Each structure stands twice: as C-alpha cells, then as structure tokens.
Amino acid sequence: MSEAPQDQRPRLQKALAHAGVASRRACETLIASGRVEVNGEPVFELGSRIDIAHDEVRVDGVVVQLDVSKRYFMLNKPRGVVSTMSDEQGRPDLREFTDRFEERLYNVGRLDTDTSGLLILTNDGELAHALAHPKFGVEKTYIAKVRGRVTPAVIQRLRDGIELADGPIHADHAKILPGGRGASHSLVELTLHSGRNRIVRRMLAEVGHPVVELVRRRFGPLSLGTLGIGEMRELSSGERGALLSATQPSDGVTATGGRPGDGKGAKGMRGVAARGNPHGRGPRPDERGANTRRDEKGSDR
C-alpha cells in the first residue's frame, strides 16, 4: 500500500517569515494571537499550510505578498527622464534605473518628462494594472510651484471642481503651503485620484496659475520621504502590504511603512519604512540590457 503524498505547501509561519514579515518565532506569535487571516478567516493553528499562489494572507488587516519573486521599487524620477522603457527619440528613459536588475521592471503609470517625484517600478503586472486603473481611486499628492499669488478662493475652486475639455474634475484636497506664497510664485499641494493625462498642470492652468515645477510626493500609501532625486530603493514589507491593500476594498486604515505586525500605530503598520532590500537580493550589474524594452502606457502629469 503506497503512502499518501506529502503536502508540499509551505507552513504559514514559514511563508510569512520568508516574505519578510518577521522572524519565524515572531510570526508564530502573530498567528497564535489571531492577527493573521487567510482568505478572510483568522488562523490560530501553528503549522497550517497555505497555497502561496491562491491564498490571500493578511497580518493586522494588511495584505502580505508571499511571492518573493515579485519586487517593488520606489524611484524619485528626475526631470528630463521619460516614463518609458524605450524612447524612440533617444531621450533618457527608465532603463537607466532598471537595467541593473535581473527582473523585468515596469513603471506603474507615468510622470511626464518635466515632472519629478515618486514613480513605482515593479515586475508585478497585475498590481501595476490595478494601481493604474481609475476604479480603485488611488490618491496621488503633488507639490506644484505655480506662477502668481494663489488665493484661498482659487483653492476652493479647485476643491469644488472645474470644467476641462475632457470633462469636470475636482481636487480631493488642496492647500497653499505655509511660506509658499510670494508676489510672483506660490506653492500648492494638490491631492487627487484621477489618472487623466497631465491633469495637475491642466487644472492649475485653468485657474490661472500655470505650473513652473511639479513633484509627486505621494502615491497611495507610499511617501517619497527623504529619497533623493534619481535615487531608487526597494519597498519594505510593510510598504508592499500597504500597496497591495490599496487595491482592496478600503477599511479606512492608512498604512505608511513599517512591518505588518510591528505593533506601531493603526493596525501595526506605522513607522519609518526600512530602506534597502528586504529579501537580501541585489541587482546584477553584469546583466545590464537583459530587460525587455516595453512602453507602459498610462497617464502622465
């Protein structure tokens, strides 16, 4: 009589530890305390096995990416770089930042050539598509230096909504930054979830304040922080979870950095995001040019 085949699925605490959530012992504590859910149900039993390809696992309500082959990076895109993997006009493009990695990385959405700031690069095509899709309403926050002295009435107009050639639009949040208003220029912070082409520039031009400089500071739960222009880093496990959760039904929790289960702040997801590579993997400088060139179509700002 032949023996039944062994279950090859990984144990839950091992999968969580491998994903960078915490040490295996700490993951066992998270499970025993009821802070881990599999497919929406709390799991208390140590040694439970999961299907990495199909099961959804959350720690403190935040999705955990168990597939460690998926990688996620934040780039502070400089002005003058085109948000594409190959530019027909020969302008600087994103290959400058992606060619040193073994994985084929693509940009999530676009920033126009003259806009700098937070751009997400990943080899997770499904997530990239979801984050760029307007139905999820992922908010983006921009800092714009504009011509002229912006008044509170202009800010209110942006909040209330204006009519553009391709339809009405309003800012989710808008404000004049302290100390950012002078005789000839003003600094305005604008948050919106629209993905329409060059929408921030068009909105501000419509209210009489053309953009001089534009920087994207936030994308969903991610913040540019102190990342320098032209710098790129891999997201922490907490940031990855927050990004995955951004495409799930909202539960009203904003997660910014940290680790799932670190116990800091709302649902254990607050704190300073870890820099570096959570999986201990580095780029392969000897494999430059290995990435397939592909344009990632989307809206630019």
C-alpha atoms as a PDB file:
ATOM      1  CA  MET A   1       0.000   0.000   0.000  1.00  0.00           C
ATOM      2  CA  SER A   2       1.594   3.245  -1.124  1.00  0.00           C
ATOM      3  CA  GLU A   3       1.959   6.171   1.263  1.00  0.00           C
ATOM      4  CA  ALA A   4      -0.136   9.284   0.713  1.00  0.00           C
ATOM      5  CA  PRO A   5       1.877  12.052  -0.949  1.00  0.00           C
ATOM      6  CA  GLN A   6       3.239  14.678   1.413  1.00  0.00           C
ATOM      7  CA  ASP A   7       1.654  18.129   1.403  1.00  0.00           C
ATOM      8  CA  GLN A   8       4.238  20.348  -0.327  1.00  0.00           C
ATOM      9  CA  ARG A   9       2.544  23.609   0.596  1.00  0.00           C
ATOM     10  CA  PRO A  10       4.593  25.754   2.992  1.00  0.00           C
ATOM     11  CA  ARG A  11       3.578  26.260   6.584  1.00  0.00           C
ATOM     12  CA  LEU A  12       2.041  29.646   7.299  1.00  0.00           C
ATOM     13  CA  GLN A  13       4.691  30.901   9.734  1.00  0.00           C
ATOM     14  CA  LYS A  14       7.479  29.903   7.339  1.00  0.00           C
ATOM     15  CA  ALA A  15       5.817  31.680   4.409  1.00  0.00           C
ATOM     16  CA  LEU A  16       5.346  34.838   6.481  1.00  0.00           C
ATOM     17  CA  ALA A  17       8.954  34.819   7.643  1.00  0.00           C
ATOM     18  CA  HIS A  18      10.195  34.224   4.090  1.00  0.00           C
ATOM     19  CA  ALA A  19       8.102  37.204   2.948  1.00  0.00           C
ATOM     20  CA  GLY A  20       9.937  39.433   5.408  1.00  0.00           C
ATOM     21  CA  VAL A  21       7.106  39.991   7.891  1.00  0.00           C
ATOM     22  CA  ALA A  22       9.147  38.992  10.957  1.00  0.00           C
ATOM     23  CA  SER A  23      11.231  36.113  12.320  1.00  0.00           C
ATOM     24  CA  ARG A  24       9.569  32.705  12.298  1.00  0.00           C
ATOM     25  CA  ARG A  25       9.167  32.779  16.070  1.00  0.00           C
ATOM     26  CA  ALA A  26       7.545  36.230  15.896  1.00  0.00           C
ATOM     27  CA  CYS A  27       5.257  35.024  13.096  1.00  0.00           C
ATOM     28  CA  GLU A  28       4.155  32.126  15.288  1.00  0.00           C
ATOM     29  CA  THR A  29       3.223  34.657  17.971  1.00  0.00           C
ATOM     30  CA  LEU A  30       1.231  36.680  15.430  1.00  0.00           C
ATOM     31  CA  ILE A  31      -0.685  33.566  14.393  1.00  0.00           C
ATOM     32  CA  ALA A  32      -1.368  32.419  17.956  1.00  0.00           C
ATOM     33  CA  SER A  33      -2.689  35.883  18.871  1.00  0.00           C
ATOM     34  CA  GLY A  34      -5.193  35.849  15.999  1.00  0.00           C
ATOM     35  CA  ARG A  35      -3.587  38.645  13.998  1.00  0.00           C
ATOM     36  CA  VAL A  36      -3.183  36.575  10.817  1.00  0.00           C
ATOM     37  CA  GLU A  37      -6.039  35.917   8.395  1.00  0.00           C
ATOM     38  CA  VAL A  38      -6.110  33.516   5.458  1.00  0.00           C
ATOM     39  CA  ASN A  39      -8.811  34.241   2.894  1.00  0.00           C
ATOM     40  CA  GLY A  40     -10.606  36.467   5.396  1.00  0.00           C
ATOM     41  CA  GLU A  41     -10.628  33.971   8.276  1.00  0.00           C
ATOM     42  CA  PRO A  42      -8.391  34.191  11.377  1.00  0.00           C
ATOM     43  CA  VAL A  43      -5.945  31.307  11.682  1.00  0.00           C
ATOM     44  CA  PHE A  44      -4.718  30.263  15.128  1.00  0.00           C
ATOM     45  CA  GLU A  45      -3.202  26.868  14.398  1.00  0.00           C
ATOM     46  CA  LEU A  46       0.576  26.784  14.024  1.00  0.00           C
ATOM     47  CA  GLY A  47       1.732  24.685  11.122  1.00  0.00           C
ATOM     48  CA  SER A  48      -1.268  25.444   8.931  1.00  0.00           C
ATOM     49  CA  ARG A  49      -0.318  25.148   5.283  1.00  0.00           C
ATOM     50  CA  ILE A  50      -1.198  27.650   2.572  1.00  0.00           C
ATOM     51  CA  ASP A  51      -1.207  27.920  -1.193  1.00  0.00           C
ATOM     52  CA  ILE A  52       1.031  30.886  -1.978  1.00  0.00           C
ATOM     53  CA  ALA A  53      -0.369  31.236  -5.494  1.00  0.00           C
ATOM     54  CA  HIS A  54      -4.034  31.404  -4.487  1.00  0.00           C
ATOM     55  CA  ASP A  55      -4.489  32.181  -0.772  1.00  0.00           C
ATOM     56  CA  GLU A  56      -4.724  35.780   0.445  1.00  0.00           C
ATOM     57  CA  VAL A  57      -2.915  36.317   3.727  1.00  0.00           C
ATOM     58  CA  ARG A  58      -3.249  39.426   5.864  1.00  0.00           C
ATOM     59  CA  VAL A  59      -1.436  40.480   9.020  1.00  0.00           C
ATOM     60  CA  ASP A  60      -3.237  43.123  11.062  1.00  0.00           C
ATOM     61  CA  GLY A  61      -5.545  43.611   8.102  1.00  0.00           C
ATOM     62  CA  VAL A  62      -2.750  44.333   5.628  1.00  0.00           C
ATOM     63  CA  VAL A  63      -2.115  42.074   2.634  1.00  0.00           C
ATOM     64  CA  VAL A  64       1.211  40.207   2.621  1.00  0.00           C
ATOM     65  CA  GLN A  65       2.935  39.481  -0.686  1.00  0.00           C
ATOM     66  CA  LEU A  66       4.054  35.881  -0.220  1.00  0.00           C
ATOM     67  CA  ASP A  67       5.536  35.525  -3.688  1.00  0.00           C
ATOM     68  CA  VAL A  68       9.071  36.796  -3.097  1.00  0.00           C
ATOM     69  CA  SER A  69       9.803  36.767  -6.827  1.00  0.00           C
ATOM     70  CA  LYS A  70       7.626  39.904  -7.048  1.00  0.00           C
ATOM     71  CA  ARG A  71       9.632  43.056  -6.478  1.00  0.00           C
ATOM     72  CA  TYR A  72       8.563  46.615  -5.853  1.00  0.00           C
ATOM     73  CA  PHE A  73      10.674  49.755  -6.022  1.00  0.00           C
ATOM     74  CA  MET A  74      10.213  53.449  -5.423  1.00  0.00           C
ATOM     75  CA  LEU A  75      12.059  55.839  -7.728  1.00  0.00           C
ATOM     76  CA  ASN A  76      12.404  59.586  -7.315  1.00  0.00           C
ATOM     77  CA  LYS A  77      12.281  60.268 -11.038  1.00  0.00           C
ATOM     78  CA  PRO A  78      14.327  63.259 -12.126  1.00  0.00           C
ATOM     79  CA  ARG A  79      13.049  65.861 -14.557  1.00  0.00           C
ATOM     80  CA  GLY A  80      14.103  65.145 -18.118  1.00  0.00           C
ATOM     81  CA  VAL A  81      13.590  61.356 -17.846  1.00  0.00           C
ATOM     82  CA  VAL A  82      10.794  59.871 -19.953  1.00  0.00           C
ATOM     83  CA  SER A  83       8.472  57.414 -18.164  1.00  0.00           C
ATOM     84  CA  THR A  84       9.025  54.597 -20.627  1.00  0.00           C
ATOM     85  CA  MET A  85      11.376  51.654 -21.053  1.00  0.00           C
ATOM     86  CA  SER A  86      12.426  52.796 -24.527  1.00  0.00           C
ATOM     87  CA  ASP A  87      12.153  56.253 -26.044  1.00  0.00           C
ATOM     88  CA  GLU A  88      12.054  56.496 -29.826  1.00  0.00           C
ATOM     89  CA  GLN A  89      13.525  59.998 -29.685  1.00  0.00           C
ATOM     90  CA  GLY A  90      16.564  58.847 -27.767  1.00  0.00           C
ATOM     91  CA  ARG A  91      15.785  60.820 -24.610  1.00  0.00           C
ATOM     92  CA  PRO A  92      16.831  59.489 -21.184  1.00  0.00           C
ATOM     93  CA  ASP A  93      14.387  56.801 -20.080  1.00  0.00           C
ATOM     94  CA  LEU A  94      13.828  54.407 -17.192  1.00  0.00           C
ATOM     95  CA  ARG A  95      16.389  51.876 -18.421  1.00  0.00           C
ATOM     96  CA  GLU A  96      18.935  53.983 -16.574  1.00  0.00           C
ATOM     97  CA  PHE A  97      17.386  52.649 -13.365  1.00  0.00           C
ATOM     98  CA  THR A  98      16.039  49.207 -14.338  1.00  0.00           C
ATOM     99  CA  ASP A  99      18.778  47.662 -16.471  1.00  0.00           C
ATOM    100  CA  ARG A 100      20.859  46.685 -13.459  1.00  0.00           C
ATOM    101  CA  PHE A 101      18.156  44.323 -12.187  1.00  0.00           C
ATOM    102  CA  GLU A 102      17.602  40.750 -13.288  1.00  0.00           C
ATOM    103  CA  GLU A 103      13.822  41.174 -13.173  1.00  0.00           C
ATOM    104  CA  ARG A 104      11.882  42.912 -15.950  1.00  0.00           C
ATOM    105  CA  LEU A 105      10.592  46.003 -14.160  1.00  0.00           C
ATOM    106  CA  TYR A 106       7.850  48.257 -15.460  1.00  0.00           C
ATOM    107  CA  ASN A 107       6.555  51.622 -14.325  1.00  0.00           C
ATOM    108  CA  VAL A 108       3.129  51.994 -12.723  1.00  0.00           C
ATOM    109  CA  GLY A 109       1.509  54.836 -14.650  1.00  0.00           C
ATOM    110  CA  ARG A 110       3.574  57.773 -15.801  1.00  0.00           C
ATOM    111  CA  LEU A 111       5.075  61.084 -14.843  1.00  0.00           C
ATOM    112  CA  ASP A 112       5.627  63.453 -17.729  1.00  0.00           C
ATOM    113  CA  THR A 113       9.152  64.396 -18.713  1.00  0.00           C
ATOM    114  CA  ASP A 114       9.120  67.717 -16.843  1.00  0.00           C
ATOM    115  CA  THR A 115       7.625  66.234 -13.650  1.00  0.00           C
ATOM    116  CA  SER A 116       9.797  64.671 -10.959  1.00  0.00           C
ATOM    117  CA  GLY A 117       8.917  62.546  -7.965  1.00  0.00           C
ATOM    118  CA  LEU A 118       7.527  59.212  -6.864  1.00  0.00           C
ATOM    119  CA  LEU A 119       7.275  56.532  -9.518  1.00  0.00           C
ATOM    120  CA  ILE A 120       6.648  52.866  -8.716  1.00  0.00           C
ATOM    121  CA  LEU A 121       8.569  50.185 -10.620  1.00  0.00           C
ATOM    122  CA  THR A 122       7.633  46.510 -10.333  1.00  0.00           C
ATOM    123  CA  ASN A 123       7.542  43.162 -12.103  1.00  0.00           C
ATOM    124  CA  ASP A 124       4.041  42.534 -10.694  1.00  0.00           C
ATOM    125  CA  GLY A 125       1.974  43.233 -13.797  1.00  0.00           C
ATOM    126  CA  GLU A 126      -1.350  42.502 -12.104  1.00  0.00           C
ATOM    127  CA  LEU A 127      -0.731  45.030  -9.338  1.00  0.00           C
ATOM    128  CA  ALA A 128       0.615  47.602 -11.792  1.00  0.00           C
ATOM    129  CA  HIS A 129      -2.579  47.341 -13.815  1.00  0.00           C
ATOM    130  CA  ALA A 130      -4.773  47.613 -10.709  1.00  0.00           C
ATOM    131  CA  LEU A 131      -2.944  50.648  -9.313  1.00  0.00           C
ATOM    132  CA  ALA A 132      -3.248  52.457 -12.636  1.00  0.00           C
ATOM    133  CA  HIS A 133      -6.948  51.610 -13.030  1.00  0.00           C
ATOM    134  CA  PRO A 134      -9.268  54.514 -12.157  1.00  0.00           C
ATOM    135  CA  LYS A 135     -11.835  52.290 -10.405  1.00  0.00           C
ATOM    136  CA  PHE A 136      -9.540  51.884  -7.388  1.00  0.00           C
ATOM    137  CA  GLY A 137      -9.216  55.668  -6.978  1.00  0.00           C
ATOM    138  CA  VAL A 138      -5.666  55.573  -5.618  1.00  0.00           C
ATOM    139  CA  GLU A 139      -4.795  59.103  -4.495  1.00  0.00           C
ATOM    140  CA  LYS A 140      -1.659  60.924  -5.577  1.00  0.00           C
ATOM    141  CA  THR A 141      -0.293  64.051  -3.934  1.00  0.00           C
ATOM    142  CA  TYR A 142       1.699  66.709  -5.804  1.00  0.00           C
ATOM    143  CA  ILE A 143       3.593  69.839  -4.830  1.00  0.00           C
ATOM    144  CA  ALA A 144       3.379  72.467  -7.563  1.00  0.00           C
ATOM    145  CA  LYS A 145       5.273  75.706  -7.866  1.00  0.00           C
ATOM    146  CA  VAL A 146       2.964  77.928  -9.888  1.00  0.00           C
ATOM    147  CA  ARG A 147       3.012  81.417 -11.311  1.00  0.00           C
ATOM    148  CA  GLY A 148       1.171  84.120  -9.476  1.00  0.00           C
ATOM    149  CA  ARG A 149      -0.233  84.566  -5.997  1.00  0.00           C
ATOM    150  CA  VAL A 150      -2.739  81.811  -5.277  1.00  0.00           C
ATOM    151  CA  THR A 151      -5.672  82.876  -3.106  1.00  0.00           C
ATOM    152  CA  PRO A 152      -7.959  80.820  -0.856  1.00  0.00           C
ATOM    153  CA  ALA A 153     -10.715  81.399  -3.416  1.00  0.00           C
ATOM    154  CA  VAL A 154      -8.633  79.623  -6.067  1.00  0.00           C
ATOM    155  CA  ILE A 155      -8.046  76.693  -3.694  1.00  0.00           C
ATOM    156  CA  GLN A 156     -11.779  76.444  -3.044  1.00  0.00           C
ATOM    157  CA  ARG A 157     -12.438  76.463  -6.767  1.00  0.00           C
ATOM    158  CA  LEU A 158     -10.059  73.524  -7.222  1.00  0.00           C
ATOM    159  CA  ARG A 159     -11.882  71.633  -4.461  1.00  0.00           C
ATOM    160  CA  ASP A 160     -15.326  72.437  -5.822  1.00  0.00           C
ATOM    161  CA  GLY A 161     -14.424  71.414  -9.348  1.00  0.00           C
ATOM    162  CA  ILE A 162     -13.660  72.961 -12.710  1.00  0.00           C
ATOM    163  CA  GLU A 163     -14.582  72.093 -16.279  1.00  0.00           C
ATOM    164  CA  LEU A 164     -11.842  70.921 -18.653  1.00  0.00           C
ATOM    165  CA  ALA A 165     -12.066  69.925 -22.302  1.00  0.00           C
ATOM    166  CA  ASP A 166     -12.341  66.249 -21.334  1.00  0.00           C
ATOM    167  CA  GLY A 167     -14.841  66.743 -18.535  1.00  0.00           C
ATOM    168  CA  PRO A 168     -15.202  68.069 -14.981  1.00  0.00           C
ATOM    169  CA  ILE A 169     -12.540  67.477 -12.340  1.00  0.00           C
ATOM    170  CA  HIS A 170     -12.002  68.429  -8.709  1.00  0.00           C
ATOM    171  CA  ALA A 171      -9.167  68.031  -6.215  1.00  0.00           C
ATOM    172  CA  ASP A 172      -9.722  65.688  -3.283  1.00  0.00           C
ATOM    173  CA  HIS A 173      -7.556  68.013  -1.194  1.00  0.00           C
ATOM    174  CA  ALA A 174      -5.838  71.298  -1.979  1.00  0.00           C
ATOM    175  CA  LYS A 175      -3.986  73.890   0.068  1.00  0.00           C
ATOM    176  CA  ILE A 176      -1.433  76.666  -0.121  1.00  0.00           C
ATOM    177  CA  LEU A 177       1.752  75.564   1.625  1.00  0.00           C
ATOM    178  CA  PRO A 178       2.936  77.702   4.542  1.00  0.00           C
ATOM    179  CA  GLY A 179       5.553  80.180   3.393  1.00  0.00           C
ATOM    180  CA  GLY A 180       4.976  79.138  -0.197  1.00  0.00           C
ATOM    181  CA  ARG A 181       3.163  82.225  -1.400  1.00  0.00           C
ATOM    182  CA  GLY A 182       5.005  85.211  -2.806  1.00  0.00           C
ATOM    183  CA  ALA A 183       4.450  88.061  -5.204  1.00  0.00           C
ATOM    184  CA  SER A 184       5.346  86.075  -8.316  1.00  0.00           C
ATOM    185  CA  HIS A 185       5.007  82.391  -7.345  1.00  0.00           C
ATOM    186  CA  SER A 186       3.097  80.116  -4.954  1.00  0.00           C
ATOM    187  CA  LEU A 187       3.497  76.559  -3.676  1.00  0.00           C
ATOM    188  CA  VAL A 188       0.340  74.454  -3.802  1.00  0.00           C
ATOM    189  CA  GLU A 189      -0.276  70.921  -2.541  1.00  0.00           C
ATOM    190  CA  LEU A 190      -2.843  69.038  -4.586  1.00  0.00           C
ATOM    191  CA  THR A 191      -4.254  65.547  -3.983  1.00  0.00           C
ATOM    192  CA  LEU A 192      -6.460  63.769  -6.493  1.00  0.00           C
ATOM    193  CA  HIS A 193      -7.245  60.262  -7.660  1.00  0.00           C
ATOM    194  CA  SER A 194      -7.722  60.988 -11.350  1.00  0.00           C
ATOM    195  CA  GLY A 195      -5.314  59.393 -13.807  1.00  0.00           C
ATOM    196  CA  ARG A 196      -6.082  61.706 -16.708  1.00  0.00           C
ATOM    197  CA  ASN A 197      -3.260  62.977 -18.868  1.00  0.00           C
ATOM    198  CA  ARG A 198      -1.328  65.952 -17.387  1.00  0.00           C
ATOM    199  CA  ILE A 199      -4.296  66.618 -15.162  1.00  0.00           C
ATOM    200  CA  VAL A 200      -2.493  68.630 -12.459  1.00  0.00           C
ATOM    201  CA  ARG A 201      -0.911  71.002 -14.958  1.00  0.00           C
ATOM    202  CA  ARG A 202      -4.190  71.461 -16.808  1.00  0.00           C
ATOM    203  CA  MET A 203      -6.165  72.132 -13.623  1.00  0.00           C
ATOM    204  CA  LEU A 204      -3.778  74.784 -12.395  1.00  0.00           C
ATOM    205  CA  ALA A 205      -3.527  76.414 -15.805  1.00  0.00           C
ATOM    206  CA  GLU A 206      -7.326  76.564 -15.937  1.00  0.00           C
ATOM    207  CA  VAL A 207      -7.476  78.571 -12.695  1.00  0.00           C
ATOM    208  CA  GLY A 208      -4.825  80.987 -13.973  1.00  0.00           C
ATOM    209  CA  HIS A 209      -1.701  79.610 -12.307  1.00  0.00           C
ATOM    210  CA  PRO A 210       0.493  77.694 -14.782  1.00  0.00           C
ATOM    211  CA  VAL A 211       2.888  75.168 -13.274  1.00  0.00           C
ATOM    212  CA  VAL A 212       6.571  76.059 -13.149  1.00  0.00           C
ATOM    213  CA  GLU A 213       7.740  72.928 -11.287  1.00  0.00           C
ATOM    214  CA  LEU A 214       5.830  69.788 -10.305  1.00  0.00           C
ATOM    215  CA  VAL A 215       6.772  66.981  -7.922  1.00  0.00           C
ATOM    216  CA  ARG A 216       4.729  63.926  -6.938  1.00  0.00           C
ATOM    217  CA  ARG A 217       5.266  63.320  -3.235  1.00  0.00           C
ATOM    218  CA  ARG A 218       2.804  60.509  -2.536  1.00  0.00           C
ATOM    219  CA  PHE A 219       1.241  57.597  -4.400  1.00  0.00           C
ATOM    220  CA  GLY A 220      -1.478  55.878  -2.393  1.00  0.00           C
ATOM    221  CA  PRO A 221       0.084  54.789   0.915  1.00  0.00           C
ATOM    222  CA  LEU A 222       3.644  55.492  -0.248  1.00  0.00           C
ATOM    223  CA  SER A 223       5.534  58.679   0.542  1.00  0.00           C
ATOM    224  CA  LEU A 224       8.695  59.897  -1.158  1.00  0.00           C
ATOM    225  CA  GLY A 225      10.173  60.848   2.213  1.00  0.00           C
ATOM    226  CA  THR A 226      13.871  61.695   2.064  1.00  0.00           C
ATOM    227  CA  LEU A 227      14.604  59.698  -1.100  1.00  0.00           C
ATOM    228  CA  GLY A 228      16.866  61.903  -3.221  1.00  0.00           C
ATOM    229  CA  ILE A 229      16.312  62.823  -6.849  1.00  0.00           C
ATOM    230  CA  GLY A 230      17.476  59.929  -9.041  1.00  0.00           C
ATOM    231  CA  GLU A 231      17.580  57.510  -6.100  1.00  0.00           C
ATOM    232  CA  MET A 232      15.719  54.198  -6.064  1.00  0.00           C
ATOM    233  CA  ARG A 233      15.023  51.748  -3.263  1.00  0.00           C
ATOM    234  CA  GLU A 234      13.081  48.540  -2.742  1.00  0.00           C
ATOM    235  CA  LEU A 235       9.897  48.830  -0.719  1.00  0.00           C
ATOM    236  CA  SER A 236       9.785  47.447   2.804  1.00  0.00           C
ATOM    237  CA  SER A 237       7.468  44.569   3.615  1.00  0.00           C
ATOM    238  CA  GLY A 238       5.048  47.000   5.236  1.00  0.00           C
ATOM    239  CA  GLU A 239       5.022  49.261   2.208  1.00  0.00           C
ATOM    240  CA  ARG A 240       4.441  46.284  -0.079  1.00  0.00           C
ATOM    241  CA  GLY A 241       1.496  45.199   2.046  1.00  0.00           C
ATOM    242  CA  ALA A 242       0.055  48.704   2.094  1.00  0.00           C
ATOM    243  CA  LEU A 243       0.396  48.952  -1.674  1.00  0.00           C
ATOM    244  CA  LEU A 244      -1.354  45.608  -2.199  1.00  0.00           C
ATOM    245  CA  SER A 245      -4.081  46.679   0.217  1.00  0.00           C
ATOM    246  CA  ALA A 246      -4.616  49.886  -1.803  1.00  0.00           C
ATOM    247  CA  THR A 247      -6.307  47.807  -4.491  1.00  0.00           C
ATOM    248  CA  GLN A 248      -8.564  46.050  -1.971  1.00  0.00           C
ATOM    249  CA  PRO A 249     -11.833  47.377  -0.502  1.00  0.00           C
ATOM    250  CA  SER A 250     -10.887  50.150   1.918  1.00  0.00           C
ATOM    251  CA  ASP A 251     -11.264  49.615   5.664  1.00  0.00           C
ATOM    252  CA  GLY A 252     -10.347  53.183   6.495  1.00  0.00           C
ATOM    253  CA  VAL A 253      -6.778  52.422   7.574  1.00  0.00           C
ATOM    254  CA  THR A 254      -3.883  54.326   6.082  1.00  0.00           C
ATOM    255  CA  ALA A 255      -0.650  52.367   6.240  1.00  0.00           C
ATOM    256  CA  THR A 256       2.699  54.055   5.765  1.00  0.00           C
ATOM    257  CA  GLY A 257       5.823  51.957   6.116  1.00  0.00           C
ATOM    258  CA  GLY A 258       6.788  49.664   8.973  1.00  0.00           C
ATOM    259  CA  ARG A 259       6.094  45.942   9.020  1.00  0.00           C
ATOM    260  CA  PRO A 260       2.836  44.064   9.284  1.00  0.00           C
ATOM    261  CA  GLY A 261       2.557  43.092  12.920  1.00  0.00           C
ATOM    262  CA  ASP A 262       5.145  45.536  14.268  1.00  0.00           C
ATOM    263  CA  GLY A 263       2.561  46.835  16.731  1.00  0.00           C
ATOM    264  CA  LYS A 264       3.129  50.506  15.909  1.00  0.00           C
ATOM    265  CA  GLY A 265       0.071  52.636  15.350  1.00  0.00           C
ATOM    266  CA  ALA A 266      -3.090  51.785  13.438  1.00  0.00           C
ATOM    267  CA  LYS A 267      -3.190  48.055  12.755  1.00  0.00           C
ATOM    268  CA  GLY A 268       0.545  47.790  13.354  1.00  0.00           C
ATOM    269  CA  MET A 269       1.556  49.493  10.132  1.00  0.00           C
ATOM    270  CA  ARG A 270       3.080  52.771  11.203  1.00  0.00           C
ATOM    271  CA  GLY A 271       6.721  53.742  11.457  1.00  0.00           C
ATOM    272  CA  VAL A 272       9.677  54.576   9.328  1.00  0.00           C
ATOM    273  CA  ALA A 273       9.952  52.414   6.225  1.00  0.00           C
ATOM    274  CA  ALA A 274      13.042  50.238   6.020  1.00  0.00           C
ATOM    275  CA  ARG A 275      15.483  51.139   3.317  1.00  0.00           C
ATOM    276  CA  GLY A 276      17.296  48.623   1.199  1.00  0.00           C
ATOM    277  CA  ASN A 277      16.404  45.154   0.017  1.00  0.00           C
ATOM    278  CA  PRO A 278      14.091  43.126   2.286  1.00  0.00           C
ATOM    279  CA  HIS A 279      14.946  39.865   0.550  1.00  0.00           C
ATOM    280  CA  GLY A 280      18.711  40.375   0.572  1.00  0.00           C
ATOM    281  CA  ARG A 281      18.883  40.378  -3.205  1.00  0.00           C
ATOM    282  CA  GLY A 282      20.907  42.791  -5.224  1.00  0.00           C
ATOM    283  CA  PRO A 283      20.957  43.906  -8.826  1.00  0.00           C
ATOM    284  CA  ARG A 284      23.144  42.138 -11.324  1.00  0.00           C
ATOM    285  CA  PRO A 285      25.392  44.727 -12.933  1.00  0.00           C
ATOM    286  CA  ASP A 286      26.674  42.060 -15.314  1.00  0.00           C
ATOM    287  CA  GLU A 287      23.197  41.601 -16.752  1.00  0.00           C
ATOM    288  CA  ARG A 288      22.621  45.139 -17.994  1.00  0.00           C
ATOM    289  CA  GLY A 289      20.392  45.154 -21.027  1.00  0.00           C
ATOM    290  CA  ALA A 290      18.628  41.927 -20.039  1.00  0.00           C
ATOM    291  CA  ASN A 291      15.302  43.670 -19.562  1.00  0.00           C
ATOM    292  CA  THR A 292      12.818  43.569 -22.387  1.00  0.00           C
ATOM    293  CA  ARG A 293      12.004  47.093 -23.542  1.00  0.00           C
ATOM    294  CA  ARG A 294       8.368  47.869 -23.261  1.00  0.00           C
ATOM    295  CA  ASP A 295       6.366  51.052 -23.067  1.00  0.00           C
ATOM    296  CA  GLU A 296       3.997  51.142 -20.123  1.00  0.00           C
ATOM    297  CA  LYS A 297       1.082  53.168 -21.411  1.00  0.00           C
ATOM    298  CA  GLY A 298      -0.659  55.341 -18.899  1.00  0.00           C
ATOM    299  CA  SER A 299      -1.357  58.904 -17.931  1.00  0.00           C
ATOM    300  CA  ASP A 300       1.337  61.432 -17.213  1.00  0.00           C
ATOM    301  CA  ARG A 301       1.145  64.501 -15.080  1.00  0.00           C
END
